[in-house]
Amino acid sequence: MIKNLQKHGNSQALVFDKTMLEALGIDGDTPLHITITGDSLVVRPAFVGASAEDIATSLSKMRPRYSKMLKTLAN
């Protein structure tokens, strides 16, 4: 596929069409990791770790089930 850059304000933009976004499993809110390797530009979804709130929620769900095992491991 060949794409051209498009003027976007004082910059240039590479526009991804809907089918390309769907194939990559990304949308306009997906953080992207961009690297330059030789003469290639590599764009991939960026790994974003879980928030502190997500971790706390997961731990609160696990505690009742695994509390005895966790106490044993801690000793």
PDB file of N, CA and C in Angstrom:
ATOM      1  N   MET A   1       0.838  -1.167   0.000  1.00  0.00           N
ATOM      2  CA  MET A   1       0.000   0.000   0.000  1.00  0.00           C
ATOM      3  C   MET A   1       0.890   1.240   0.000  1.00  0.00           C
ATOM      4  N   ILE A   2       0.562   2.178  -0.799  1.00  0.00           N
ATOM      5  CA  ILE A   2       1.303   3.438  -0.845  1.00  0.00           C
ATOM      6  C   ILE A   2       0.385   4.539  -0.335  1.00  0.00           C
ATOM      7  N   LYS A   3       0.880   5.315   0.625  1.00  0.00           N
ATOM      8  CA  LYS A   3       0.122   6.427   1.207  1.00  0.00           C
ATOM      9  C   LYS A   3       0.952   7.694   1.052  1.00  0.00           C
ATOM     10  N   ASN A   4       0.302   8.819   0.941  1.00  0.00           N
ATOM     11  CA  ASN A   4       0.968  10.116   0.910  1.00  0.00           C
ATOM     12  C   ASN A   4       0.670  10.873   2.190  1.00  0.00           C
ATOM     13  N   LEU A   5       1.602  11.711   2.605  1.00  0.00           N
ATOM     14  CA  LEU A   5       1.368  12.563   3.763  1.00  0.00           C
ATOM     15  C   LEU A   5       0.363  13.639   3.382  1.00  0.00           C
ATOM     16  N   GLN A   6      -0.414  14.074   4.376  1.00  0.00           N
ATOM     17  CA  GLN A   6      -1.386  15.132   4.156  1.00  0.00           C
ATOM     18  C   GLN A   6      -1.068  16.306   5.067  1.00  0.00           C
ATOM     19  N   LYS A   7      -1.278  17.515   4.574  1.00  0.00           N
ATOM     20  CA  LYS A   7      -1.040  18.714   5.361  1.00  0.00           C
ATOM     21  C   LYS A   7      -2.026  18.742   6.527  1.00  0.00           C
ATOM     22  N   HIS A   8      -1.499  19.010   7.719  1.00  0.00           N
ATOM     23  CA  HIS A   8      -2.314  19.099   8.931  1.00  0.00           C
ATOM     24  C   HIS A   8      -1.777  20.281   9.739  1.00  0.00           C
ATOM     25  N   GLY A   9      -2.353  21.459   9.564  1.00  0.00           N
ATOM     26  CA  GLY A   9      -1.819  22.667  10.199  1.00  0.00           C
ATOM     27  C   GLY A   9      -0.448  22.961   9.618  1.00  0.00           C
ATOM     28  N   ASN A  10       0.555  23.117  10.498  1.00  0.00           N
ATOM     29  CA  ASN A  10       1.928  23.365  10.044  1.00  0.00           C
ATOM     30  C   ASN A  10       2.730  22.067   9.931  1.00  0.00           C
ATOM     31  N   SER A  11       2.060  20.934  10.050  1.00  0.00           N
ATOM     32  CA  SER A  11       2.729  19.632  10.032  1.00  0.00           C
ATOM     33  C   SER A  11       2.223  18.785   8.874  1.00  0.00           C
ATOM     34  N   GLN A  12       2.771  17.597   8.789  1.00  0.00           N
ATOM     35  CA  GLN A  12       2.318  16.598   7.832  1.00  0.00           C
ATOM     36  C   GLN A  12       1.775  15.411   8.621  1.00  0.00           C
ATOM     37  N   ALA A  13       0.726  14.772   8.114  1.00  0.00           N
ATOM     38  CA  ALA A  13       0.101  13.654   8.823  1.00  0.00           C
ATOM     39  C   ALA A  13      -0.021  12.447   7.898  1.00  0.00           C
ATOM     40  N   LEU A  14       0.124  11.287   8.485  1.00  0.00           N
ATOM     41  CA  LEU A  14      -0.130  10.040   7.768  1.00  0.00           C
ATOM     42  C   LEU A  14      -1.493   9.556   8.244  1.00  0.00           C
ATOM     43  N   VAL A  15      -2.441   9.478   7.339  1.00  0.00           N
ATOM     44  CA  VAL A  15      -3.817   9.130   7.695  1.00  0.00           C
ATOM     45  C   VAL A  15      -4.025   7.636   7.479  1.00  0.00           C
ATOM     46  N   PHE A  16      -4.524   6.969   8.514  1.00  0.00           N
ATOM     47  CA  PHE A  16      -4.832   5.536   8.444  1.00  0.00           C
ATOM     48  C   PHE A  16      -6.326   5.384   8.218  1.00  0.00           C
ATOM     49  N   ASP A  17      -6.721   4.624   7.194  1.00  0.00           N
ATOM     50  CA  ASP A  17      -8.143   4.434   6.954  1.00  0.00           C
ATOM     51  C   ASP A  17      -8.720   3.412   7.936  1.00  0.00           C
ATOM     52  N   LYS A  18     -10.039   3.366   7.994  1.00  0.00           N
ATOM     53  CA  LYS A  18     -10.747   2.543   8.973  1.00  0.00           C
ATOM     54  C   LYS A  18     -10.352   1.069   8.887  1.00  0.00           C
ATOM     55  N   THR A  19     -10.241   0.521   7.677  1.00  0.00           N
ATOM     56  CA  THR A  19      -9.917  -0.908   7.542  1.00  0.00           C
ATOM     57  C   THR A  19      -8.523  -1.214   8.083  1.00  0.00           C
ATOM     58  N   MET A  20      -7.584  -0.284   7.914  1.00  0.00           N
ATOM     59  CA  MET A  20      -6.235  -0.486   8.436  1.00  0.00           C
ATOM     60  C   MET A  20      -6.248  -0.465   9.968  1.00  0.00           C
ATOM     61  N   LEU A  21      -6.987   0.489  10.544  1.00  0.00           N
ATOM     62  CA  LEU A  21      -7.095   0.569  11.999  1.00  0.00           C
ATOM     63  C   LEU A  21      -7.726  -0.697  12.572  1.00  0.00           C
ATOM     64  N   GLU A  22      -8.778  -1.166  11.930  1.00  0.00           N
ATOM     65  CA  GLU A  22      -9.444  -2.387  12.391  1.00  0.00           C
ATOM     66  C   GLU A  22      -8.516  -3.592  12.298  1.00  0.00           C
ATOM     67  N   ALA A  23      -7.735  -3.676  11.234  1.00  0.00           N
ATOM     68  CA  ALA A  23      -6.807  -4.801  11.065  1.00  0.00           C
ATOM     69  C   ALA A  23      -5.746  -4.803  12.161  1.00  0.00           C
ATOM     70  N   LEU A  24      -5.349  -3.610  12.621  1.00  0.00           N
ATOM     71  CA  LEU A  24      -4.334  -3.496  13.673  1.00  0.00           C
ATOM     72  C   LEU A  24      -4.932  -3.530  15.076  1.00  0.00           C
ATOM     73  N   GLY A  25      -6.251  -3.447  15.168  1.00  0.00           N
ATOM     74  CA  GLY A  25      -6.905  -3.457  16.475  1.00  0.00           C
ATOM     75  C   GLY A  25      -6.659  -2.180  17.257  1.00  0.00           C
ATOM     76  N   ILE A  26      -6.565  -1.051  16.569  1.00  0.00           N
ATOM     77  CA  ILE A  26      -6.334   0.224  17.235  1.00  0.00           C
ATOM     78  C   ILE A  26      -7.414   1.220  16.826  1.00  0.00           C
ATOM     79  N   ASP A  27      -7.519   2.303  17.605  1.00  0.00           N
ATOM     80  CA  ASP A  27      -8.426   3.390  17.257  1.00  0.00           C
ATOM     81  C   ASP A  27      -7.750   4.712  17.587  1.00  0.00           C
ATOM     82  N   GLY A  28      -8.489   5.793  17.506  1.00  0.00           N
ATOM     83  CA  GLY A  28      -7.928   7.109  17.736  1.00  0.00           C
ATOM     84  C   GLY A  28      -7.415   7.339  19.143  1.00  0.00           C
ATOM     85  N   ASP A  29      -7.819   6.511  20.102  1.00  0.00           N
ATOM     86  CA  ASP A  29      -7.385   6.655  21.494  1.00  0.00           C
ATOM     87  C   ASP A  29      -6.224   5.738  21.856  1.00  0.00           C
ATOM     88  N   THR A  30      -5.793   4.888  20.944  1.00  0.00           N
ATOM     89  CA  THR A  30      -4.719   3.938  21.221  1.00  0.00           C
ATOM     90  C   THR A  30      -3.370   4.651  21.208  1.00  0.00           C
ATOM     91  N   PRO A  31      -2.603   4.581  22.321  1.00  0.00           N
ATOM     92  CA  PRO A  31      -1.259   5.154  22.282  1.00  0.00           C
ATOM     93  C   PRO A  31      -0.372   4.321  21.350  1.00  0.00           C
ATOM     94  N   LEU A  32       0.454   5.000  20.581  1.00  0.00           N
ATOM     95  CA  LEU A  32       1.304   4.318  19.604  1.00  0.00           C
ATOM     96  C   LEU A  32       2.771   4.518  19.932  1.00  0.00           C
ATOM     97  N   HIS A  33       3.554   3.489  19.732  1.00  0.00           N
ATOM     98  CA  HIS A  33       5.006   3.543  19.900  1.00  0.00           C
ATOM     99  C   HIS A  33       5.594   3.628  18.499  1.00  0.00           C
ATOM    100  N   ILE A  34       6.350   4.686  18.239  1.00  0.00           N
ATOM    101  CA  ILE A  34       6.907   4.913  16.910  1.00  0.00           C
ATOM    102  C   ILE A  34       8.423   4.868  16.988  1.00  0.00           C
ATOM    103  N   THR A  35       9.037   4.045  16.145  1.00  0.00           N
ATOM    104  CA  THR A  35      10.490   3.947  16.103  1.00  0.00           C
ATOM    105  C   THR A  35      10.960   4.061  14.655  1.00  0.00           C
ATOM    106  N   ILE A  36      12.187   4.491  14.511  1.00  0.00           N
ATOM    107  CA  ILE A  36      12.827   4.539  13.194  1.00  0.00           C
ATOM    108  C   ILE A  36      13.924   3.500  13.190  1.00  0.00           C
ATOM    109  N   THR A  37      13.845   2.579  12.245  1.00  0.00           N
ATOM    110  CA  THR A  37      14.837   1.522  12.102  1.00  0.00           C
ATOM    111  C   THR A  37      15.391   1.609  10.696  1.00  0.00           C
ATOM    112  N   GLY A  38      16.636   2.075  10.601  1.00  0.00           N
ATOM    113  CA  GLY A  38      17.211   2.279   9.275  1.00  0.00           C
ATOM    114  C   GLY A  38      16.397   3.310   8.523  1.00  0.00           C
ATOM    115  N   ASP A  39      15.828   2.908   7.395  1.00  0.00           N
ATOM    116  CA  ASP A  39      14.994   3.832   6.630  1.00  0.00           C
ATOM    117  C   ASP A  39      13.510   3.488   6.741  1.00  0.00           C
ATOM    118  N   SER A  40      13.148   2.781   7.824  1.00  0.00           N
ATOM    119  CA  SER A  40      11.754   2.382   8.040  1.00  0.00           C
ATOM    120  C   SER A  40      11.177   3.042   9.281  1.00  0.00           C
ATOM    121  N   LEU A  41       9.925   3.374   9.186  1.00  0.00           N
ATOM    122  CA  LEU A  41       9.171   3.899  10.319  1.00  0.00           C
ATOM    123  C   LEU A  41       8.278   2.779  10.811  1.00  0.00           C
ATOM    124  N   VAL A  42       8.402   2.404  12.084  1.00  0.00           N
ATOM    125  CA  VAL A  42       7.618   1.311  12.645  1.00  0.00           C
ATOM    126  C   VAL A  42       6.624   1.912  13.633  1.00  0.00           C
ATOM    127  N   VAL A  43       5.346   1.645  13.405  1.00  0.00           N
ATOM    128  CA  VAL A  43       4.278   2.138  14.270  1.00  0.00           C
ATOM    129  C   VAL A  43       3.551   0.926  14.832  1.00  0.00           C
ATOM    130  N   ARG A  44       3.484   0.847  16.168  1.00  0.00           N
ATOM    131  CA  ARG A  44       2.771  -0.276  16.799  1.00  0.00           C
ATOM    132  C   ARG A  44       2.089   0.227  18.045  1.00  0.00           C
ATOM    133  N   PRO A  45       1.035  -0.478  18.481  1.00  0.00           N
ATOM    134  CA  PRO A  45       0.375  -0.070  19.718  1.00  0.00           C
ATOM    135  C   PRO A  45       1.369  -0.100  20.883  1.00  0.00           C
ATOM    136  N   ALA A  46       1.307   0.902  21.726  1.00  0.00           N
ATOM    137  CA  ALA A  46       2.210   0.973  22.877  1.00  0.00           C
ATOM    138  C   ALA A  46       1.602   0.222  24.047  1.00  0.00           C
ATOM    139  N   PHE A  47       2.443  -0.493  24.783  1.00  0.00           N
ATOM    140  CA  PHE A  47       1.972  -1.141  26.002  1.00  0.00           C
ATOM    141  C   PHE A  47       1.827  -0.069  27.064  1.00  0.00           C
ATOM    142  N   VAL A  48       0.657  -0.004  27.621  1.00  0.00           N
ATOM    143  CA  VAL A  48       0.407   0.931  28.717  1.00  0.00           C
ATOM    144  C   VAL A  48      -0.011   0.088  29.905  1.00  0.00           C
ATOM    145  N   GLY A  49       0.766   0.169  30.981  1.00  0.00           N
ATOM    146  CA  GLY A  49       0.494  -0.636  32.162  1.00  0.00           C
ATOM    147  C   GLY A  49      -0.823  -0.277  32.818  1.00  0.00           C
ATOM    148  N   ALA A  50      -1.256  -1.145  33.671  1.00  0.00           N
ATOM    149  CA  ALA A  50      -2.507  -0.934  34.392  1.00  0.00           C
ATOM    150  C   ALA A  50      -2.362   0.229  35.366  1.00  0.00           C
ATOM    151  N   SER A  51      -3.453   0.916  35.584  1.00  0.00           N
ATOM    152  CA  SER A  51      -3.449   2.021  36.537  1.00  0.00           C
ATOM    153  C   SER A  51      -3.460   1.471  37.958  1.00  0.00           C
ATOM    154  N   ALA A  52      -3.122   2.311  38.907  1.00  0.00           N
ATOM    155  CA  ALA A  52      -3.137   1.905  40.313  1.00  0.00           C
ATOM    156  C   ALA A  52      -4.537   1.454  40.720  1.00  0.00           C
ATOM    157  N   GLU A  53      -5.546   2.102  40.176  1.00  0.00           N
ATOM    158  CA  GLU A  53      -6.932   1.726  40.483  1.00  0.00           C
ATOM    159  C   GLU A  53      -7.249   0.331  39.944  1.00  0.00           C
ATOM    160  N   ASP A  54      -6.780   0.012  38.717  1.00  0.00           N
ATOM    161  CA  ASP A  54      -6.998  -1.316  38.147  1.00  0.00           C
ATOM    162  C   ASP A  54      -6.322  -2.394  38.994  1.00  0.00           C
ATOM    163  N   ILE A  55      -5.111  -2.110  39.456  1.00  0.00           N
ATOM    164  CA  ILE A  55      -4.377  -3.074  40.290  1.00  0.00           C
ATOM    165  C   ILE A  55      -5.099  -3.282  41.614  1.00  0.00           C
ATOM    166  N   ALA A  56      -5.543  -2.199  42.241  1.00  0.00           N
ATOM    167  CA  ALA A  56      -6.258  -2.309  43.517  1.00  0.00           C
ATOM    168  C   ALA A  56      -7.545  -3.109  43.358  1.00  0.00           C
ATOM    169  N   THR A  57      -8.259  -2.899  42.270  1.00  0.00           N
ATOM    170  CA  THR A  57      -9.495  -3.649  42.013  1.00  0.00           C
ATOM    171  C   THR A  57      -9.193  -5.130  41.852  1.00  0.00           C
ATOM    172  N   SER A  58      -8.148  -5.454  41.100  1.00  0.00           N
ATOM    173  CA  SER A  58      -7.775  -6.856  40.891  1.00  0.00           C
ATOM    174  C   SER A  58      -7.375  -7.521  42.210  1.00  0.00           C
ATOM    175  N   LEU A  59      -6.583  -6.807  43.016  1.00  0.00           N
ATOM    176  CA  LEU A  59      -6.159  -7.366  44.296  1.00  0.00           C
ATOM    177  C   LEU A  59      -7.342  -7.593  45.226  1.00  0.00           C
ATOM    178  N   SER A  60      -8.289  -6.678  45.245  1.00  0.00           N
ATOM    179  CA  SER A  60      -9.453  -6.847  46.126  1.00  0.00           C
ATOM    180  C   SER A  60     -10.291  -8.053  45.711  1.00  0.00           C
ATOM    181  N   LYS A  61     -10.282  -8.383  44.427  1.00  0.00           N
ATOM    182  CA  LYS A  61     -10.997  -9.572  43.958  1.00  0.00           C
ATOM    183  C   LYS A  61     -10.242 -10.851  44.302  1.00  0.00           C
ATOM    184  N   MET A  62      -8.911 -10.785  44.333  1.00  0.00           N
ATOM    185  CA  MET A  62      -8.096 -11.976  44.588  1.00  0.00           C
ATOM    186  C   MET A  62      -7.971 -12.296  46.075  1.00  0.00           C
ATOM    187  N   ARG A  63      -7.982 -11.291  46.923  1.00  0.00           N
ATOM    188  CA  ARG A  63      -7.728 -11.514  48.345  1.00  0.00           C
ATOM    189  C   ARG A  63      -8.617 -12.572  48.986  1.00  0.00           C
ATOM    190  N   PRO A  64      -9.934 -12.518  48.801  1.00  0.00           N
ATOM    191  CA  PRO A  64     -10.771 -13.532  49.458  1.00  0.00           C
ATOM    192  C   PRO A  64     -10.416 -14.961  49.042  1.00  0.00           C
ATOM    193  N   ARG A  65     -10.119 -15.140  47.800  1.00  0.00           N
ATOM    194  CA  ARG A  65      -9.852 -16.493  47.291  1.00  0.00           C
ATOM    195  C   ARG A  65      -8.459 -16.986  47.649  1.00  0.00           C
ATOM    196  N   TYR A  66      -7.459 -16.098  47.641  1.00  0.00           N
ATOM    197  CA  TYR A  66      -6.069 -16.521  47.786  1.00  0.00           C
ATOM    198  C   TYR A  66      -5.404 -16.014  49.065  1.00  0.00           C
ATOM    199  N   SER A  67      -6.163 -15.490  50.019  1.00  0.00           N
ATOM    200  CA  SER A  67      -5.542 -14.888  51.202  1.00  0.00           C
ATOM    201  C   SER A  67      -4.709 -15.898  51.998  1.00  0.00           C
ATOM    202  N   LYS A  68      -5.194 -17.114  52.175  1.00  0.00           N
ATOM    203  CA  LYS A  68      -4.457 -18.118  52.944  1.00  0.00           C
ATOM    204  C   LYS A  68      -3.120 -18.446  52.257  1.00  0.00           C
ATOM    205  N   MET A  69      -3.160 -18.650  50.950  1.00  0.00           N
ATOM    206  CA  MET A  69      -1.952 -18.963  50.202  1.00  0.00           C
ATOM    207  C   MET A  69      -0.964 -17.791  50.258  1.00  0.00           C
ATOM    208  N   LEU A  70      -1.465 -16.562  50.117  1.00  0.00           N
ATOM    209  CA  LEU A  70      -0.597 -15.388  50.148  1.00  0.00           C
ATOM    210  C   LEU A  70       0.080 -15.226  51.512  1.00  0.00           C
ATOM    211  N   LYS A  71      -0.668 -15.523  52.583  1.00  0.00           N
ATOM    212  CA  LYS A  71      -0.079 -15.452  53.940  1.00  0.00           C
ATOM    213  C   LYS A  71       1.007 -16.503  54.102  1.00  0.00           C
ATOM    214  N   THR A  72       0.769 -17.685  53.571  1.00  0.00           N
ATOM    215  CA  THR A  72       1.776 -18.752  53.640  1.00  0.00           C
ATOM    216  C   THR A  72       3.031 -18.351  52.878  1.00  0.00           C
ATOM    217  N   LEU A  73       2.861 -17.777  51.704  1.00  0.00           N
ATOM    218  CA  LEU A  73       4.006 -17.344  50.918  1.00  0.00           C
ATOM    219  C   LEU A  73       4.771 -16.215  51.594  1.00  0.00           C
ATOM    220  N   ALA A  74       4.068 -15.352  52.299  1.00  0.00           N
ATOM    221  CA  ALA A  74       4.710 -14.214  52.954  1.00  0.00           C
ATOM    222  C   ALA A  74       5.582 -14.647  54.128  1.00  0.00           C
ATOM    223  N   ASN A  75       5.268 -15.780  54.715  1.00  0.00           N
ATOM    224  CA  ASN A  75       6.043 -16.278  55.883  1.00  0.00           C
ATOM    225  C   ASN A  75       7.250 -17.026  55.465  1.00  0.00           C
TER     226      ASN A  75
END
